[in-house]
N, C-alpha and C. Protein backbone atom coordinates (compact mmCIF):
# COMPACT_ATOMS: atom_id res chain seq x y z
N UNK A 1 11.74 24.37 11.04
CA UNK A 1 10.60 24.20 11.92
C UNK A 1 10.91 23.06 12.88
N UNK A 2 10.67 23.31 14.13
CA UNK A 2 10.97 22.27 15.12
C UNK A 2 9.88 21.19 15.11
N UNK A 3 10.18 20.09 15.73
CA UNK A 3 9.25 18.98 15.79
C UNK A 3 7.98 19.36 16.53
N UNK A 4 8.10 20.13 17.60
CA UNK A 4 6.93 20.50 18.41
C UNK A 4 5.99 21.43 17.65
N UNK A 5 6.54 22.33 16.85
CA UNK A 5 5.69 23.23 16.06
C UNK A 5 4.93 22.41 15.02
N UNK A 6 5.62 21.49 14.37
CA UNK A 6 4.95 20.62 13.41
C UNK A 6 3.87 19.78 14.05
N UNK A 7 4.14 19.27 15.25
CA UNK A 7 3.15 18.48 15.98
C UNK A 7 1.92 19.32 16.34
N UNK A 8 2.15 20.55 16.78
CA UNK A 8 1.03 21.44 17.12
C UNK A 8 0.20 21.79 15.89
N UNK A 9 0.85 22.06 14.78
CA UNK A 9 0.13 22.38 13.54
C UNK A 9 -0.69 21.17 13.08
N UNK A 10 -0.11 19.99 13.13
CA UNK A 10 -0.84 18.78 12.75
C UNK A 10 -2.02 18.55 13.68
N UNK A 11 -1.84 18.79 14.97
CA UNK A 11 -2.93 18.60 15.93
C UNK A 11 -4.08 19.56 15.66
N UNK A 12 -3.76 20.79 15.38
CA UNK A 12 -4.80 21.79 15.06
C UNK A 12 -5.52 21.41 13.77
N UNK A 13 -4.78 20.93 12.78
CA UNK A 13 -5.39 20.54 11.51
C UNK A 13 -6.35 19.37 11.71
N UNK A 14 -5.94 18.36 12.47
CA UNK A 14 -6.80 17.20 12.70
C UNK A 14 -8.03 17.60 13.49
N UNK A 15 -7.85 18.43 14.51
CA UNK A 15 -8.98 18.85 15.34
C UNK A 15 -9.95 19.70 14.52
N UNK A 16 -9.44 20.52 13.61
CA UNK A 16 -10.33 21.34 12.78
C UNK A 16 -11.19 20.46 11.87
N UNK A 17 -10.63 19.35 11.37
CA UNK A 17 -11.43 18.43 10.56
C UNK A 17 -12.53 17.78 11.39
N UNK A 18 -12.22 17.51 12.65
CA UNK A 18 -13.24 16.93 13.54
C UNK A 18 -14.37 17.93 13.76
N UNK A 19 -14.03 19.19 13.97
CA UNK A 19 -15.05 20.24 14.15
C UNK A 19 -15.87 20.39 12.88
N UNK A 20 -15.22 20.38 11.72
CA UNK A 20 -15.95 20.49 10.45
C UNK A 20 -16.90 19.31 10.27
N UNK A 21 -16.50 18.13 10.72
CA UNK A 21 -17.36 16.96 10.64
C UNK A 21 -18.62 17.11 11.47
N UNK A 22 -18.51 17.80 12.59
CA UNK A 22 -19.68 18.02 13.44
C UNK A 22 -20.65 19.03 12.83
N UNK A 23 -20.16 19.84 11.91
CA UNK A 23 -21.01 20.86 11.29
C UNK A 23 -21.78 20.33 10.08
N UNK A 24 -21.47 19.11 9.63
CA UNK A 24 -22.18 18.53 8.49
C UNK A 24 -23.62 18.21 8.92
N UNK A 25 -24.61 18.63 8.12
CA UNK A 25 -26.01 18.38 8.50
C UNK A 25 -26.31 16.87 8.59
N UNK A 26 -27.21 16.53 9.49
CA UNK A 26 -27.58 15.13 9.71
C UNK A 26 -28.17 14.49 8.47
N UNK A 27 -28.93 15.25 7.70
CA UNK A 27 -29.56 14.69 6.50
C UNK A 27 -28.51 14.21 5.49
N UNK A 28 -27.36 14.86 5.47
CA UNK A 28 -26.29 14.43 4.57
C UNK A 28 -25.70 13.11 5.07
N UNK A 29 -25.49 13.01 6.38
CA UNK A 29 -24.89 11.80 6.94
C UNK A 29 -25.83 10.61 6.90
N UNK A 30 -27.14 10.86 6.90
CA UNK A 30 -28.12 9.77 6.88
C UNK A 30 -28.38 9.23 5.48
N UNK A 31 -27.85 9.88 4.48
CA UNK A 31 -28.06 9.42 3.10
C UNK A 31 -27.38 8.06 2.92
N UNK A 32 -28.07 7.07 2.32
CA UNK A 32 -27.50 5.71 2.19
C UNK A 32 -26.18 5.65 1.42
N UNK A 33 -26.04 6.46 0.38
CA UNK A 33 -24.80 6.42 -0.40
C UNK A 33 -23.62 6.95 0.41
N UNK A 34 -23.87 7.95 1.23
CA UNK A 34 -22.80 8.49 2.08
C UNK A 34 -22.38 7.44 3.11
N UNK A 35 -23.35 6.77 3.72
CA UNK A 35 -23.04 5.73 4.70
C UNK A 35 -22.24 4.60 4.06
N UNK A 36 -22.61 4.20 2.85
CA UNK A 36 -21.88 3.14 2.16
C UNK A 36 -20.46 3.60 1.81
N UNK A 37 -20.32 4.83 1.34
CA UNK A 37 -19.01 5.36 0.99
C UNK A 37 -18.10 5.42 2.22
N UNK A 38 -18.65 5.86 3.34
CA UNK A 38 -17.85 5.94 4.56
C UNK A 38 -17.37 4.56 5.00
N UNK A 39 -18.24 3.56 4.91
CA UNK A 39 -17.82 2.22 5.31
C UNK A 39 -16.76 1.67 4.36
N UNK A 40 -16.86 1.97 3.07
CA UNK A 40 -15.85 1.49 2.12
C UNK A 40 -14.51 2.21 2.30
N UNK A 41 -14.56 3.49 2.61
CA UNK A 41 -13.32 4.25 2.84
C UNK A 41 -12.59 3.70 4.06
N UNK A 42 -13.34 3.36 5.09
CA UNK A 42 -12.72 2.81 6.30
C UNK A 42 -11.98 1.51 5.99
N UNK A 43 -12.61 0.63 5.25
CA UNK A 43 -11.97 -0.64 4.89
C UNK A 43 -10.75 -0.40 4.00
N UNK A 44 -10.86 0.51 3.06
CA UNK A 44 -9.73 0.80 2.16
C UNK A 44 -8.54 1.37 2.93
N UNK A 45 -8.80 2.29 3.84
CA UNK A 45 -7.71 2.87 4.62
C UNK A 45 -7.05 1.84 5.53
N UNK A 46 -7.84 0.99 6.14
CA UNK A 46 -7.27 -0.04 7.02
C UNK A 46 -6.46 -1.04 6.20
N UNK A 47 -6.95 -1.41 5.02
CA UNK A 47 -6.21 -2.33 4.15
C UNK A 47 -4.88 -1.71 3.72
N UNK A 48 -4.90 -0.44 3.38
CA UNK A 48 -3.67 0.25 2.98
C UNK A 48 -2.67 0.29 4.13
N UNK A 49 -3.16 0.56 5.33
CA UNK A 49 -2.28 0.60 6.50
C UNK A 49 -1.64 -0.76 6.76
N UNK A 50 -2.42 -1.82 6.70
CA UNK A 50 -1.89 -3.17 6.91
C UNK A 50 -0.88 -3.51 5.81
N UNK A 51 -1.19 -3.16 4.58
CA UNK A 51 -0.27 -3.44 3.47
C UNK A 51 1.05 -2.71 3.62
N UNK A 52 0.99 -1.44 3.97
CA UNK A 52 2.23 -0.67 4.15
C UNK A 52 3.04 -1.21 5.32
N UNK A 53 2.38 -1.49 6.43
CA UNK A 53 3.10 -1.99 7.60
C UNK A 53 3.67 -3.39 7.38
N UNK A 54 3.07 -4.16 6.47
CA UNK A 54 3.53 -5.52 6.23
C UNK A 54 4.67 -5.58 5.22
N UNK A 55 4.58 -4.82 4.16
CA UNK A 55 5.50 -4.99 3.03
C UNK A 55 6.53 -3.89 2.85
N UNK A 56 6.51 -2.84 3.67
CA UNK A 56 7.43 -1.72 3.45
C UNK A 56 8.28 -1.50 4.70
N UNK A 57 9.59 -1.34 4.49
CA UNK A 57 10.51 -1.00 5.56
C UNK A 57 11.60 -0.11 4.98
N UNK A 58 11.80 1.02 5.59
CA UNK A 58 12.80 1.99 5.10
C UNK A 58 12.60 2.33 3.63
N UNK A 59 11.36 2.55 3.26
CA UNK A 59 10.98 2.93 1.90
C UNK A 59 11.35 1.88 0.85
N UNK A 60 11.44 0.63 1.27
CA UNK A 60 11.71 -0.47 0.35
C UNK A 60 10.72 -1.59 0.62
N UNK A 61 10.34 -2.29 -0.45
CA UNK A 61 9.46 -3.44 -0.29
C UNK A 61 10.30 -4.60 0.23
N UNK A 62 9.83 -5.20 1.32
CA UNK A 62 10.56 -6.32 1.92
C UNK A 62 9.60 -7.47 2.19
N UNK A 63 10.15 -8.66 2.17
CA UNK A 63 9.40 -9.85 2.54
C UNK A 63 10.13 -10.48 3.72
N UNK A 64 9.56 -10.31 4.91
CA UNK A 64 10.19 -10.85 6.10
C UNK A 64 9.14 -11.58 6.95
N UNK A 65 9.36 -11.69 8.22
CA UNK A 65 8.49 -12.48 9.10
C UNK A 65 7.09 -11.90 9.23
N UNK A 66 6.90 -10.65 8.85
CA UNK A 66 5.57 -10.04 8.96
C UNK A 66 4.59 -10.64 7.96
N UNK A 67 5.07 -11.04 6.80
CA UNK A 67 4.18 -11.58 5.76
C UNK A 67 3.52 -12.88 6.22
N UNK A 68 4.27 -13.90 6.66
CA UNK A 68 3.58 -15.10 7.16
C UNK A 68 2.70 -14.82 8.37
N UNK A 69 3.10 -13.89 9.22
CA UNK A 69 2.29 -13.56 10.39
C UNK A 69 0.94 -12.98 9.98
N UNK A 70 0.95 -12.11 8.98
CA UNK A 70 -0.31 -11.54 8.50
C UNK A 70 -1.15 -12.61 7.81
N UNK A 71 -0.52 -13.51 7.10
CA UNK A 71 -1.27 -14.59 6.46
C UNK A 71 -1.92 -15.51 7.50
N UNK A 72 -1.22 -15.79 8.59
CA UNK A 72 -1.81 -16.59 9.67
C UNK A 72 -2.98 -15.83 10.28
N UNK A 73 -2.80 -14.55 10.51
CA UNK A 73 -3.89 -13.74 11.07
C UNK A 73 -5.09 -13.71 10.13
N UNK A 74 -4.84 -13.61 8.84
CA UNK A 74 -5.93 -13.62 7.87
C UNK A 74 -6.67 -14.95 7.90
N UNK A 75 -5.93 -16.04 7.92
CA UNK A 75 -6.56 -17.36 7.96
C UNK A 75 -7.40 -17.56 9.22
N UNK A 76 -6.89 -17.14 10.35
CA UNK A 76 -7.65 -17.28 11.59
C UNK A 76 -8.87 -16.36 11.62
N UNK A 77 -8.74 -15.21 11.00
CA UNK A 77 -9.89 -14.29 10.92
C UNK A 77 -10.98 -14.88 10.04
N UNK A 78 -10.60 -15.49 8.93
CA UNK A 78 -11.58 -16.14 8.05
C UNK A 78 -12.29 -17.27 8.79
N UNK A 79 -11.57 -17.95 9.67
CA UNK A 79 -12.16 -19.02 10.47
C UNK A 79 -12.95 -18.48 11.68
N UNK A 80 -13.01 -17.16 11.81
CA UNK A 80 -13.75 -16.47 12.88
C UNK A 80 -13.26 -16.83 14.28
N UNK A 81 -11.96 -16.87 14.42
CA UNK A 81 -11.37 -17.11 15.74
C UNK A 81 -11.43 -15.81 16.55
N UNK A 82 -11.34 -15.91 17.87
CA UNK A 82 -11.34 -14.71 18.71
C UNK A 82 -10.14 -13.81 18.38
N UNK A 83 -10.36 -12.51 18.49
CA UNK A 83 -9.34 -11.53 18.10
C UNK A 83 -8.04 -11.72 18.87
N UNK A 84 -8.13 -11.98 20.16
CA UNK A 84 -6.92 -12.14 20.97
C UNK A 84 -6.12 -13.34 20.50
N UNK A 85 -6.79 -14.39 20.06
CA UNK A 85 -6.10 -15.58 19.53
C UNK A 85 -5.42 -15.25 18.21
N UNK A 86 -6.09 -14.46 17.37
CA UNK A 86 -5.51 -14.05 16.08
C UNK A 86 -4.22 -13.26 16.31
N UNK A 87 -4.29 -12.30 17.22
CA UNK A 87 -3.12 -11.46 17.50
C UNK A 87 -1.99 -12.30 18.10
N UNK A 88 -2.32 -13.16 19.05
CA UNK A 88 -1.29 -13.98 19.70
C UNK A 88 -0.65 -14.94 18.70
N UNK A 89 -1.44 -15.55 17.85
CA UNK A 89 -0.89 -16.48 16.86
C UNK A 89 0.01 -15.77 15.86
N UNK A 90 -0.42 -14.62 15.39
CA UNK A 90 0.40 -13.86 14.43
C UNK A 90 1.71 -13.41 15.08
N UNK A 91 1.63 -12.94 16.31
CA UNK A 91 2.85 -12.53 17.02
C UNK A 91 3.76 -13.73 17.25
N UNK A 92 3.18 -14.87 17.57
CA UNK A 92 3.97 -16.07 17.78
C UNK A 92 4.68 -16.53 16.52
N UNK A 93 3.98 -16.49 15.40
CA UNK A 93 4.59 -16.87 14.13
C UNK A 93 5.76 -15.94 13.79
N UNK A 94 5.55 -14.65 13.94
CA UNK A 94 6.62 -13.69 13.66
C UNK A 94 7.81 -13.90 14.59
N UNK A 95 7.53 -14.14 15.87
CA UNK A 95 8.62 -14.35 16.84
C UNK A 95 9.41 -15.62 16.53
N UNK A 96 8.70 -16.69 16.20
CA UNK A 96 9.38 -17.95 15.89
C UNK A 96 10.25 -17.80 14.64
N UNK A 97 9.71 -17.16 13.62
CA UNK A 97 10.49 -16.99 12.39
C UNK A 97 11.70 -16.10 12.63
N UNK A 98 11.54 -15.10 13.45
CA UNK A 98 12.70 -14.23 13.75
C UNK A 98 13.75 -14.95 14.58
N UNK A 99 13.31 -15.76 15.52
CA UNK A 99 14.25 -16.46 16.40
C UNK A 99 14.92 -17.64 15.69
N UNK A 100 14.14 -18.48 15.06
CA UNK A 100 14.67 -19.71 14.47
C UNK A 100 15.42 -19.42 13.15
N UNK A 101 14.79 -18.66 12.28
CA UNK A 101 15.37 -18.43 10.96
C UNK A 101 16.19 -17.14 10.86
N UNK A 102 16.11 -16.32 11.88
CA UNK A 102 16.87 -15.08 11.86
C UNK A 102 16.28 -14.03 10.93
N UNK A 103 14.99 -14.18 10.57
CA UNK A 103 14.35 -13.17 9.73
C UNK A 103 14.13 -11.91 10.53
N UNK A 104 14.15 -10.78 9.86
CA UNK A 104 13.89 -9.50 10.54
C UNK A 104 12.46 -9.29 10.80
């Protein structure tokens, strides 16, 4: 199977889930437990994405410049700093560690 066929199949699958989501009755979506579950799933998926992007490279667990950068971002987020400052500081930490220490 070529890459384009796989991409088209994935696109149709994702779009079909979006259409199915529009068909869910409003009374189901307005239920408090459903709203709470949806908010928790969003946080869990985002946490998993950050964890995978931080600690995994080439299917191996690695500790490199991304770990301190994420820790700096976490600390600044806890201090309620502006998002652009959080991103810039984390990128700066990663860049400095890569340049000075030669970390990947």
